[in-house]
Amino acid sequence: GSPVTTEERRLRDKKHLDDITAARLPPLHHCPAKLLPIEESIAIQIQQKVAYEEMQAKLAAQKLAERLNIKMLRFEPEGEASMQYREVRDED
């Protein structure tokens, strides 16, 4: 076969996508880069690090609970289940 140019390949791939789906990606919109003061940049990085570590801890706890077959149930001491045994009924 003859070699296919990149433009022909791009058009062929686009036609193939048109054949298999009508979905279109929205155009990319972005803000231009902004300069931040170093203090604000550090504060944002620390905030992101804390959020990342919290997420990692939650995922680690979830994986550990799954591995050890621990079921975490909600504890509601004033909920409906605790009130069932407290009901007073007349025996008359």
Protein backbone atom coordinates (compact mmCIF):
# COMPACT_ATOMS: atom_id res chain seq x y z
CA GLY A 1 0.00 0.00 0.00
CA SER A 2 0.97 3.59 -0.44
CA PRO A 3 2.05 5.57 2.62
CA VAL A 4 -0.75 7.65 4.16
CA THR A 5 0.00 11.25 5.01
CA THR A 6 -0.77 12.52 8.51
CA GLU A 7 -3.55 14.74 7.16
CA GLU A 8 -5.24 11.78 5.43
CA ARG A 9 -4.86 9.66 8.56
CA ARG A 10 -6.39 12.43 10.70
CA LEU A 11 -9.37 12.76 8.33
CA ARG A 12 -9.85 8.98 8.23
CA ASP A 13 -9.75 8.76 12.06
CA LYS A 14 -12.24 11.63 12.33
CA LYS A 15 -14.59 9.92 9.86
CA HIS A 16 -14.27 6.69 11.86
CA LEU A 17 -15.26 8.52 15.05
CA ASP A 18 -18.20 10.07 13.21
CA ASP A 19 -19.30 6.58 12.17
CA ILE A 20 -19.22 5.08 15.66
CA THR A 21 -20.46 7.96 17.85
CA ALA A 22 -22.25 11.27 17.67
CA ALA A 23 -20.71 12.44 20.93
CA ARG A 24 -18.53 15.52 20.72
CA LEU A 25 -16.11 16.86 23.27
CA PRO A 26 -16.83 20.42 24.33
CA PRO A 27 -14.22 22.95 23.28
CA LEU A 28 -11.48 23.47 25.81
CA HIS A 29 -11.75 26.74 27.68
CA HIS A 30 -9.11 27.82 30.09
CA CYS A 31 -8.03 30.94 31.87
CA PRO A 32 -4.69 32.46 31.10
CA ALA A 33 -1.96 31.69 33.60
CA LYS A 34 -1.90 33.95 36.65
CA LEU A 35 1.08 34.94 38.70
CA LEU A 36 0.62 34.26 42.41
CA PRO A 37 2.59 35.59 45.30
CA ILE A 38 4.85 32.88 46.75
CA GLU A 39 2.97 32.94 50.07
CA GLU A 40 -0.36 32.24 48.36
CA SER A 41 1.21 29.49 46.27
CA ILE A 42 2.65 27.82 49.37
CA ALA A 43 -0.71 28.10 51.17
CA ILE A 44 -2.50 26.45 48.24
CA GLN A 45 0.09 23.67 48.06
CA ILE A 46 -0.20 22.97 51.79
CA GLN A 47 -4.00 22.92 51.52
CA GLN A 48 -3.84 20.48 48.59
CA LYS A 49 -1.35 18.29 50.46
CA VAL A 50 -3.62 18.10 53.52
CA ALA A 51 -6.65 17.23 51.36
CA TYR A 52 -4.61 14.59 49.52
CA GLU A 53 -3.37 13.01 52.77
CA GLU A 54 -6.91 12.95 54.19
CA MET A 55 -8.17 11.21 51.06
CA GLN A 56 -5.30 8.70 51.21
CA ALA A 57 -6.09 7.96 54.86
CA LYS A 58 -9.78 7.40 54.08
CA LEU A 59 -8.94 5.06 51.21
CA ALA A 60 -6.41 3.16 53.33
CA ALA A 61 -8.98 2.74 56.12
CA GLN A 62 -11.58 1.56 53.62
CA LYS A 63 -9.21 -0.99 52.06
CA LEU A 64 -8.14 -2.24 55.49
CA ALA A 65 -11.76 -2.60 56.59
CA GLU A 66 -12.58 -4.53 53.41
CA ARG A 67 -9.56 -6.80 53.86
CA LEU A 68 -10.44 -7.53 57.50
CA ASN A 69 -14.17 -7.90 56.73
CA ILE A 70 -15.12 -5.13 59.16
CA LYS A 71 -18.56 -3.64 58.66
CA MET A 72 -18.90 -0.01 59.70
CA LEU A 73 -22.47 0.70 60.77
CA ARG A 74 -23.95 4.02 61.76
CA PHE A 75 -24.43 4.40 65.49
CA GLU A 76 -27.52 6.38 66.40
CA PRO A 77 -28.15 6.13 70.14
CA GLU A 78 -31.26 8.29 69.88
CA GLY A 79 -32.46 6.67 66.65
CA GLU A 80 -35.50 4.54 66.00
CA ALA A 81 -33.81 1.22 66.82
CA SER A 82 -32.90 2.26 70.36
CA MET A 83 -36.41 3.50 71.03
CA GLN A 84 -38.08 0.17 70.23
CA TYR A 85 -37.20 -1.47 73.55
CA ARG A 86 -38.24 1.66 75.46
CA GLU A 87 -41.83 1.61 74.31
CA VAL A 88 -44.24 1.25 77.15
CA ARG A 89 -47.31 -0.82 76.42
CA ASP A 90 -50.33 -1.36 78.59
CA GLU A 91 -50.95 -4.99 79.35
CA ASP A 92 -54.66 -4.35 79.96
